Amino acid sequence: MFFDIAPLKYASWDEYQTGVTQVLAGYKSGKCTVNDDAQIHKMGDAYWVTATIAYELVQKSGKREMGNFRWTAIFEKHEGKWLIVHEHVSEPLT
């Protein structure tokens, strides 16, 4: 199961790819910048990170959307590569 901007959830990777492609079709660019509050924590063989992220999205119409969201991710090493095994993103309502 996958979650993203819209809809509430996707039941498969194919469904996710199709849905996100449709949601992002109205945008021509996007930029995300990690703010200065990023923290990295070690927990056993894993690391978890927290930060706020500033974003700027530009729609194909030229309209800009700007804001900040919260980001949390858990990294684990698998076969020599660090992978995100869980991630959460949320945006404040106000």
C-alpha atoms as a PDB file:
ATOM      1  CA  MET A   1       0.000   0.000   0.000  1.00  0.00           C
ATOM      2  CA  PHE A   2       1.266   3.472  -0.893  1.00  0.00           C
ATOM      3  CA  PHE A   3       0.140   6.901   0.243  1.00  0.00           C
ATOM      4  CA  ASP A   4       0.746  10.236  -1.484  1.00  0.00           C
ATOM      5  CA  ILE A   5      -0.814  13.622  -2.201  1.00  0.00           C
ATOM      6  CA  ALA A   6      -4.045  12.233  -3.642  1.00  0.00           C
ATOM      7  CA  PRO A   7      -6.042  10.032  -3.496  1.00  0.00           C
ATOM      8  CA  LEU A   8      -5.980   8.625   0.031  1.00  0.00           C
ATOM      9  CA  LYS A   9      -4.118   5.421  -0.893  1.00  0.00           C
ATOM     10  CA  TYR A  10      -2.892   3.236  -3.717  1.00  0.00           C
ATOM     11  CA  ALA A  11      -3.145  -0.566  -3.632  1.00  0.00           C
ATOM     12  CA  SER A  12      -0.168  -1.317  -5.917  1.00  0.00           C
ATOM     13  CA  TRP A  13       2.951   0.222  -7.416  1.00  0.00           C
ATOM     14  CA  ASP A  14       1.268   0.425 -10.861  1.00  0.00           C
ATOM     15  CA  GLU A  15      -1.711   2.247  -9.339  1.00  0.00           C
ATOM     16  CA  TYR A  16       0.664   4.613  -7.527  1.00  0.00           C
ATOM     17  CA  GLN A  17       2.670   5.385 -10.666  1.00  0.00           C
ATOM     18  CA  THR A  18      -0.472   6.110 -12.699  1.00  0.00           C
ATOM     19  CA  GLY A  19      -2.066   8.250  -9.979  1.00  0.00           C
ATOM     20  CA  VAL A  20       0.998  10.345  -9.151  1.00  0.00           C
ATOM     21  CA  THR A  21       1.697  10.908 -12.854  1.00  0.00           C
ATOM     22  CA  GLN A  22      -1.825  12.343 -13.216  1.00  0.00           C
ATOM     23  CA  VAL A  23      -1.512  14.526 -10.086  1.00  0.00           C
ATOM     24  CA  LEU A  24       1.830  15.973 -11.203  1.00  0.00           C
ATOM     25  CA  ALA A  25       0.809  16.471 -14.857  1.00  0.00           C
ATOM     26  CA  GLY A  26      -0.298  20.054 -14.124  1.00  0.00           C
ATOM     27  CA  TYR A  27       3.148  21.146 -12.904  1.00  0.00           C
ATOM     28  CA  LYS A  28       6.211  22.211 -14.868  1.00  0.00           C
ATOM     29  CA  SER A  29       8.707  22.279 -11.984  1.00  0.00           C
ATOM     30  CA  GLY A  30       9.230  21.662  -8.304  1.00  0.00           C
ATOM     31  CA  LYS A  31      11.998  22.336  -5.819  1.00  0.00           C
ATOM     32  CA  CYS A  32      12.418  21.083  -2.247  1.00  0.00           C
ATOM     33  CA  THR A  33      15.070  22.397   0.147  1.00  0.00           C
ATOM     34  CA  VAL A  34      15.895  20.878   3.543  1.00  0.00           C
ATOM     35  CA  ASN A  35      15.662  23.603   6.200  1.00  0.00           C
ATOM     36  CA  ASP A  36      18.297  24.137   8.916  1.00  0.00           C
ATOM     37  CA  ASP A  37      16.476  22.004  11.508  1.00  0.00           C
ATOM     38  CA  ALA A  38      17.446  18.581  10.115  1.00  0.00           C
ATOM     39  CA  GLN A  39      18.417  15.961  12.701  1.00  0.00           C
ATOM     40  CA  ILE A  40      19.888  12.469  12.261  1.00  0.00           C
ATOM     41  CA  HIS A  41      19.398   9.832  14.963  1.00  0.00           C
ATOM     42  CA  LYS A  42      20.952   6.358  15.249  1.00  0.00           C
ATOM     43  CA  MET A  43      18.790   3.480  16.473  1.00  0.00           C
ATOM     44  CA  GLY A  44      20.537   0.090  16.379  1.00  0.00           C
ATOM     45  CA  ASP A  45      21.511  -0.591  12.762  1.00  0.00           C
ATOM     46  CA  ALA A  46      19.101   2.039  11.431  1.00  0.00           C
ATOM     47  CA  TYR A  47      19.050   5.806  11.243  1.00  0.00           C
ATOM     48  CA  TRP A  48      16.016   8.067  11.329  1.00  0.00           C
ATOM     49  CA  VAL A  49      15.950  11.645  10.161  1.00  0.00           C
ATOM     50  CA  THR A  50      13.595  14.523  10.812  1.00  0.00           C
ATOM     51  CA  ALA A  51      13.429  17.911   9.122  1.00  0.00           C
ATOM     52  CA  THR A  52      11.157  20.538   7.736  1.00  0.00           C
ATOM     53  CA  ILE A  53      11.332  21.051   3.992  1.00  0.00           C
ATOM     54  CA  ALA A  54      10.611  24.245   2.058  1.00  0.00           C
ATOM     55  CA  TYR A  55       8.939  23.629  -1.297  1.00  0.00           C
ATOM     56  CA  GLU A  56       8.144  25.645  -4.382  1.00  0.00           C
ATOM     57  CA  LEU A  57       5.986  24.171  -7.126  1.00  0.00           C
ATOM     58  CA  VAL A  58       5.270  25.902 -10.425  1.00  0.00           C
ATOM     59  CA  GLN A  59       2.125  24.928 -12.282  1.00  0.00           C
ATOM     60  CA  LYS A  60       2.089  24.881 -16.083  1.00  0.00           C
ATOM     61  CA  SER A  61      -0.095  28.019 -15.866  1.00  0.00           C
ATOM     62  CA  GLY A  62       2.785  29.807 -14.089  1.00  0.00           C
ATOM     63  CA  LYS A  63       1.101  29.906 -10.672  1.00  0.00           C
ATOM     64  CA  ARG A  64       3.565  29.277  -7.808  1.00  0.00           C
ATOM     65  CA  GLU A  65       2.778  27.237  -4.714  1.00  0.00           C
ATOM     66  CA  MET A  66       5.122  27.648  -1.742  1.00  0.00           C
ATOM     67  CA  GLY A  67       5.156  26.261   1.769  1.00  0.00           C
ATOM     68  CA  ASN A  68       6.826  23.951   4.258  1.00  0.00           C
ATOM     69  CA  PHE A  69       6.197  20.348   5.232  1.00  0.00           C
ATOM     70  CA  ARG A  70       7.480  17.935   7.873  1.00  0.00           C
ATOM     71  CA  TRP A  71       9.606  14.962   6.827  1.00  0.00           C
ATOM     72  CA  THR A  72      10.593  11.838   8.729  1.00  0.00           C
ATOM     73  CA  ALA A  73      12.442   8.877   7.199  1.00  0.00           C
ATOM     74  CA  ILE A  74      13.998   5.652   8.456  1.00  0.00           C
ATOM     75  CA  PHE A  75      17.098   4.339   6.669  1.00  0.00           C
ATOM     76  CA  GLU A  76      18.441   0.773   6.843  1.00  0.00           C
ATOM     77  CA  LYS A  77      21.425  -0.730   5.063  1.00  0.00           C
ATOM     78  CA  HIS A  78      20.488  -3.591   2.713  1.00  0.00           C
ATOM     79  CA  GLU A  79      23.135  -5.341   0.600  1.00  0.00           C
ATOM     80  CA  GLY A  80      25.538  -2.420   1.055  1.00  0.00           C
ATOM     81  CA  LYS A  81      23.032   0.287   0.115  1.00  0.00           C
ATOM     82  CA  TRP A  82      21.196   2.699   2.436  1.00  0.00           C
ATOM     83  CA  LEU A  83      17.478   2.528   1.663  1.00  0.00           C
ATOM     84  CA  ILE A  84      14.509   4.436   3.006  1.00  0.00           C
ATOM     85  CA  VAL A  85      12.341   1.718   4.544  1.00  0.00           C
ATOM     86  CA  HIS A  86       9.699   4.083   5.899  1.00  0.00           C
ATOM     87  CA  GLU A  87       8.902   7.717   5.171  1.00  0.00           C
ATOM     88  CA  HIS A  88       6.286  10.159   6.384  1.00  0.00           C
ATOM     89  CA  VAL A  89       5.477  13.633   5.069  1.00  0.00           C
ATOM     90  CA  SER A  90       2.805  15.987   6.377  1.00  0.00           C
ATOM     91  CA  GLU A  91       1.923  19.632   5.898  1.00  0.00           C
ATOM     92  CA  PRO A  92       0.489  21.853   8.625  1.00  0.00           C
ATOM     93  CA  LEU A  93      -3.108  22.950   8.014  1.00  0.00           C
ATOM     94  CA  THR A  94      -2.371  26.570   8.914  1.00  0.00           C
END
